[in-house]
Amino acid sequence: MTTETNPGNQTTTGADAVDEAIAQGIDFDGSPIPPAKLELYRQVMGLEGNRQRSGVSNTMRSRIVRIGAKHIAQAELDQLLVNADFAPLKEKEIAFYYAGK
């Protein structure tokens, strides 16, 4: 299995690629991420890190929908959710993720 890399040998594929780049403070093209952007990102992520969670299943479903909509057709994703005993796509999710596709 191959992975895509940038000129600085930084992996640009996979779920952790962006987090690793942020931690290093270097974008995929090798340029430094401006300190103001890093600070704002860390500030907002700190707020998110302190937010009470509603449950693992809810978070899993949200991530599946958010990411799955980029890669899987609406009808197929809806069926996959149902098959896995998650709630089917909601009208607002369909409108947000699939409108204009």
N, C-alpha and C. Protein backbone atom coordinates (compact mmCIF):
# COMPACT_ATOMS: atom_id res chain seq x y z
N MET A 1 0.84 -1.17 0.00
CA MET A 1 0.00 0.00 0.00
C MET A 1 0.89 1.24 0.00
N THR A 2 0.60 2.18 -0.87
CA THR A 2 1.41 3.39 -0.94
C THR A 2 0.66 4.54 -0.30
N THR A 3 1.40 5.53 0.14
CA THR A 3 0.80 6.74 0.68
C THR A 3 1.33 7.92 -0.09
N GLU A 4 0.49 8.93 -0.20
CA GLU A 4 0.88 10.16 -0.88
C GLU A 4 1.70 10.99 0.08
N THR A 5 2.78 11.56 -0.43
CA THR A 5 3.61 12.41 0.43
C THR A 5 3.88 13.73 -0.26
N ASN A 6 4.26 14.70 0.53
CA ASN A 6 4.62 16.00 -0.03
C ASN A 6 6.13 16.05 -0.19
N PRO A 7 6.65 17.14 -0.71
CA PRO A 7 8.09 17.21 -0.90
C PRO A 7 8.91 17.03 0.38
N GLY A 8 8.34 17.34 1.54
CA GLY A 8 9.06 17.20 2.80
C GLY A 8 8.87 15.83 3.43
N ASN A 9 8.42 14.84 2.67
CA ASN A 9 8.17 13.48 3.13
C ASN A 9 7.09 13.40 4.21
N GLN A 10 6.20 14.35 4.25
CA GLN A 10 5.09 14.34 5.19
C GLN A 10 3.93 13.61 4.52
N THR A 11 3.34 12.64 5.21
CA THR A 11 2.20 11.92 4.65
C THR A 11 1.01 12.85 4.54
N THR A 12 0.34 12.83 3.39
CA THR A 12 -0.83 13.68 3.17
C THR A 12 -2.10 12.86 3.03
N THR A 13 -2.05 11.59 3.37
CA THR A 13 -3.24 10.76 3.33
C THR A 13 -3.49 10.17 4.71
N GLY A 14 -4.70 9.75 4.92
CA GLY A 14 -5.05 9.13 6.19
C GLY A 14 -5.68 10.11 7.16
N ALA A 15 -6.34 9.54 8.13
CA ALA A 15 -7.12 10.34 9.08
C ALA A 15 -6.26 11.26 9.94
N ASP A 16 -5.02 10.90 10.19
CA ASP A 16 -4.18 11.70 11.09
C ASP A 16 -3.25 12.68 10.38
N ALA A 17 -3.26 12.71 9.06
CA ALA A 17 -2.30 13.53 8.31
C ALA A 17 -2.40 15.01 8.67
N VAL A 18 -3.62 15.53 8.73
CA VAL A 18 -3.80 16.95 9.04
C VAL A 18 -3.36 17.24 10.48
N ASP A 19 -3.74 16.36 11.41
CA ASP A 19 -3.34 16.57 12.81
C ASP A 19 -1.83 16.57 12.96
N GLU A 20 -1.16 15.68 12.25
CA GLU A 20 0.30 15.63 12.31
C GLU A 20 0.92 16.90 11.75
N ALA A 21 0.37 17.38 10.65
CA ALA A 21 0.88 18.62 10.04
C ALA A 21 0.68 19.80 10.98
N ILE A 22 -0.48 19.87 11.62
CA ILE A 22 -0.75 20.96 12.56
C ILE A 22 0.22 20.89 13.73
N ALA A 23 0.43 19.70 14.27
CA ALA A 23 1.36 19.53 15.40
C ALA A 23 2.77 20.00 15.03
N GLN A 24 3.16 19.78 13.77
CA GLN A 24 4.48 20.21 13.30
C GLN A 24 4.49 21.68 12.90
N GLY A 25 3.29 22.24 12.68
CA GLY A 25 3.19 23.64 12.26
C GLY A 25 3.62 23.85 10.82
N ILE A 26 3.53 22.78 10.00
CA ILE A 26 3.97 22.86 8.61
C ILE A 26 2.88 22.31 7.70
N ASP A 27 2.49 23.09 6.70
CA ASP A 27 1.47 22.68 5.74
C ASP A 27 2.04 21.61 4.82
N PHE A 28 1.16 20.94 4.06
CA PHE A 28 1.59 19.86 3.17
C PHE A 28 2.56 20.33 2.08
N ASP A 29 2.50 21.61 1.73
CA ASP A 29 3.42 22.11 0.71
C ASP A 29 4.78 22.49 1.29
N GLY A 30 4.96 22.28 2.60
CA GLY A 30 6.22 22.58 3.25
C GLY A 30 6.30 23.96 3.87
N SER A 31 5.30 24.78 3.63
CA SER A 31 5.32 26.14 4.19
C SER A 31 4.85 26.12 5.65
N PRO A 32 5.39 27.04 6.44
CA PRO A 32 4.96 27.09 7.84
C PRO A 32 3.51 27.59 7.94
N ILE A 33 2.78 27.04 8.89
CA ILE A 33 1.42 27.52 9.17
C ILE A 33 1.58 28.77 10.03
N PRO A 34 0.97 29.89 9.65
CA PRO A 34 1.12 31.13 10.41
C PRO A 34 0.70 30.95 11.88
N PRO A 35 1.48 31.53 12.80
CA PRO A 35 1.18 31.38 14.23
C PRO A 35 -0.24 31.78 14.61
N ALA A 36 -0.78 32.83 14.00
CA ALA A 36 -2.14 33.26 14.34
C ALA A 36 -3.16 32.17 14.00
N LYS A 37 -2.96 31.49 12.88
CA LYS A 37 -3.87 30.40 12.51
C LYS A 37 -3.74 29.23 13.48
N LEU A 38 -2.52 28.89 13.84
CA LEU A 38 -2.31 27.80 14.79
C LEU A 38 -2.93 28.13 16.15
N GLU A 39 -2.75 29.36 16.61
CA GLU A 39 -3.30 29.76 17.91
C GLU A 39 -4.82 29.70 17.91
N LEU A 40 -5.45 30.22 16.87
CA LEU A 40 -6.92 30.17 16.79
C LEU A 40 -7.40 28.73 16.75
N TYR A 41 -6.74 27.89 15.95
CA TYR A 41 -7.11 26.48 15.87
C TYR A 41 -7.02 25.83 17.25
N ARG A 42 -5.92 26.05 17.94
CA ARG A 42 -5.73 25.44 19.26
C ARG A 42 -6.75 25.96 20.26
N GLN A 43 -7.08 27.24 20.17
CA GLN A 43 -8.08 27.82 21.06
C GLN A 43 -9.44 27.15 20.87
N VAL A 44 -9.85 27.03 19.60
CA VAL A 44 -11.16 26.42 19.31
C VAL A 44 -11.17 24.93 19.66
N MET A 45 -10.08 24.24 19.36
CA MET A 45 -10.01 22.81 19.69
C MET A 45 -9.99 22.59 21.19
N GLY A 46 -9.43 23.53 21.93
CA GLY A 46 -9.47 23.46 23.39
C GLY A 46 -10.89 23.56 23.91
N LEU A 47 -11.66 24.46 23.32
CA LEU A 47 -13.07 24.58 23.69
C LEU A 47 -13.82 23.29 23.37
N GLU A 48 -13.57 22.75 22.21
CA GLU A 48 -14.23 21.50 21.80
C GLU A 48 -13.82 20.35 22.72
N GLY A 49 -12.56 20.34 23.13
CA GLY A 49 -12.08 19.28 24.01
C GLY A 49 -12.75 19.28 25.37
N ASN A 50 -13.28 20.41 25.76
CA ASN A 50 -13.96 20.52 27.06
C ASN A 50 -15.47 20.31 26.97
N ARG A 51 -15.99 20.10 25.76
CA ARG A 51 -17.44 19.95 25.58
C ARG A 51 -17.88 18.55 26.00
N GLN A 52 -18.97 18.49 26.74
CA GLN A 52 -19.55 17.21 27.15
C GLN A 52 -20.06 16.46 25.92
N ARG A 53 -19.76 15.21 25.83
CA ARG A 53 -20.19 14.39 24.70
C ARG A 53 -21.51 13.69 25.00
N SER A 54 -22.29 13.43 23.95
CA SER A 54 -23.60 12.81 24.13
C SER A 54 -23.54 11.29 24.01
N GLY A 55 -22.50 10.75 23.47
CA GLY A 55 -22.38 9.31 23.34
C GLY A 55 -21.51 8.93 22.17
N VAL A 56 -20.88 7.80 22.28
CA VAL A 56 -19.96 7.34 21.24
C VAL A 56 -20.71 7.01 19.96
N SER A 57 -21.85 6.34 20.07
CA SER A 57 -22.61 5.97 18.87
C SER A 57 -23.03 7.20 18.07
N ASN A 58 -23.48 8.25 18.78
CA ASN A 58 -23.89 9.48 18.09
C ASN A 58 -22.70 10.09 17.34
N THR A 59 -21.55 10.11 17.99
CA THR A 59 -20.35 10.68 17.37
C THR A 59 -19.91 9.83 16.19
N MET A 60 -19.96 8.51 16.34
CA MET A 60 -19.59 7.63 15.23
C MET A 60 -20.48 7.90 14.03
N ARG A 61 -21.79 7.98 14.25
CA ARG A 61 -22.72 8.20 13.15
C ARG A 61 -22.45 9.55 12.48
N SER A 62 -22.21 10.58 13.29
CA SER A 62 -21.92 11.91 12.72
C SER A 62 -20.68 11.88 11.83
N ARG A 63 -19.65 11.20 12.30
CA ARG A 63 -18.42 11.11 11.50
C ARG A 63 -18.65 10.29 10.23
N ILE A 64 -19.38 9.21 10.36
CA ILE A 64 -19.68 8.38 9.19
C ILE A 64 -20.42 9.20 8.14
N VAL A 65 -21.41 9.97 8.56
CA VAL A 65 -22.18 10.79 7.61
C VAL A 65 -21.31 11.88 7.01
N ARG A 66 -20.59 12.60 7.86
CA ARG A 66 -19.78 13.74 7.38
C ARG A 66 -18.72 13.28 6.39
N ILE A 67 -18.03 12.21 6.70
CA ILE A 67 -16.95 11.73 5.83
C ILE A 67 -17.49 10.85 4.72
N GLY A 68 -18.45 10.01 5.05
CA GLY A 68 -19.02 9.10 4.06
C GLY A 68 -19.67 9.83 2.89
N ALA A 69 -20.29 10.98 3.18
CA ALA A 69 -20.95 11.74 2.11
C ALA A 69 -19.97 12.21 1.05
N LYS A 70 -18.70 12.31 1.39
CA LYS A 70 -17.69 12.73 0.42
C LYS A 70 -17.33 11.59 -0.54
N HIS A 71 -17.60 10.36 -0.13
CA HIS A 71 -17.12 9.21 -0.87
C HIS A 71 -18.21 8.24 -1.33
N ILE A 72 -19.39 8.31 -0.73
CA ILE A 72 -20.43 7.30 -0.96
C ILE A 72 -21.71 7.99 -1.41
N ALA A 73 -22.35 7.43 -2.41
CA ALA A 73 -23.61 7.97 -2.91
C ALA A 73 -24.67 7.95 -1.81
N GLN A 74 -25.61 8.88 -1.89
CA GLN A 74 -26.62 9.06 -0.85
C GLN A 74 -27.38 7.77 -0.54
N ALA A 75 -27.93 7.13 -1.55
CA ALA A 75 -28.74 5.92 -1.31
C ALA A 75 -27.90 4.82 -0.68
N GLU A 76 -26.66 4.69 -1.12
CA GLU A 76 -25.79 3.65 -0.57
C GLU A 76 -25.42 3.96 0.89
N LEU A 77 -25.07 5.20 1.18
CA LEU A 77 -24.74 5.56 2.55
C LEU A 77 -25.94 5.37 3.46
N ASP A 78 -27.11 5.76 3.00
CA ASP A 78 -28.33 5.58 3.78
C ASP A 78 -28.54 4.10 4.11
N GLN A 79 -28.38 3.24 3.12
CA GLN A 79 -28.56 1.80 3.35
C GLN A 79 -27.48 1.24 4.28
N LEU A 80 -26.25 1.70 4.12
CA LEU A 80 -25.17 1.25 5.01
C LEU A 80 -25.45 1.63 6.46
N LEU A 81 -25.97 2.83 6.68
CA LEU A 81 -26.32 3.26 8.03
C LEU A 81 -27.40 2.35 8.62
N VAL A 82 -28.44 2.11 7.84
CA VAL A 82 -29.53 1.25 8.31
C VAL A 82 -29.03 -0.16 8.59
N ASN A 83 -28.20 -0.69 7.69
CA ASN A 83 -27.65 -2.04 7.87
C ASN A 83 -26.82 -2.16 9.15
N ALA A 84 -26.18 -1.06 9.55
CA ALA A 84 -25.35 -1.06 10.75
C ALA A 84 -26.14 -0.65 12.00
N ASP A 85 -27.46 -0.55 11.85
CA ASP A 85 -28.36 -0.20 12.95
C ASP A 85 -28.18 1.23 13.45
N PHE A 86 -27.79 2.12 12.53
CA PHE A 86 -27.80 3.55 12.80
C PHE A 86 -29.07 4.13 12.19
N ALA A 87 -29.45 5.32 12.62
CA ALA A 87 -30.58 6.02 12.01
C ALA A 87 -30.23 6.35 10.56
N PRO A 88 -31.22 6.29 9.67
CA PRO A 88 -30.96 6.66 8.28
C PRO A 88 -30.63 8.15 8.17
N LEU A 89 -30.20 8.57 6.99
CA LEU A 89 -29.90 9.98 6.76
C LEU A 89 -31.13 10.84 7.05
N LYS A 90 -30.89 11.97 7.70
CA LYS A 90 -31.95 12.92 7.99
C LYS A 90 -32.07 13.88 6.81
N GLU A 91 -33.24 14.47 6.66
CA GLU A 91 -33.47 15.41 5.55
C GLU A 91 -32.43 16.55 5.56
N LYS A 92 -32.10 17.07 6.74
CA LYS A 92 -31.14 18.18 6.80
C LYS A 92 -29.74 17.72 6.40
N GLU A 93 -29.39 16.46 6.68
CA GLU A 93 -28.09 15.92 6.26
C GLU A 93 -28.06 15.76 4.75
N ILE A 94 -29.14 15.26 4.20
CA ILE A 94 -29.23 15.10 2.74
C ILE A 94 -29.11 16.45 2.06
N ALA A 95 -29.84 17.45 2.59
CA ALA A 95 -29.78 18.78 2.00
C ALA A 95 -28.38 19.38 2.11
N PHE A 96 -27.73 19.19 3.23
CA PHE A 96 -26.40 19.78 3.43
C PHE A 96 -25.32 19.07 2.63
N TYR A 97 -25.29 17.73 2.71
CA TYR A 97 -24.19 16.98 2.11
C TYR A 97 -24.42 16.60 0.65
N TYR A 98 -25.66 16.48 0.23
CA TYR A 98 -25.90 15.98 -1.12
C TYR A 98 -26.56 16.99 -2.05
N ALA A 99 -26.96 18.13 -1.58
CA ALA A 99 -27.56 19.14 -2.46
C ALA A 99 -26.51 19.59 -3.48
N GLY A 100 -26.88 19.61 -4.71
CA GLY A 100 -25.95 20.05 -5.75
C GLY A 100 -25.04 18.98 -6.27
N LYS A 101 -25.17 17.75 -5.79
CA LYS A 101 -24.33 16.66 -6.30
C LYS A 101 -25.01 15.97 -7.44
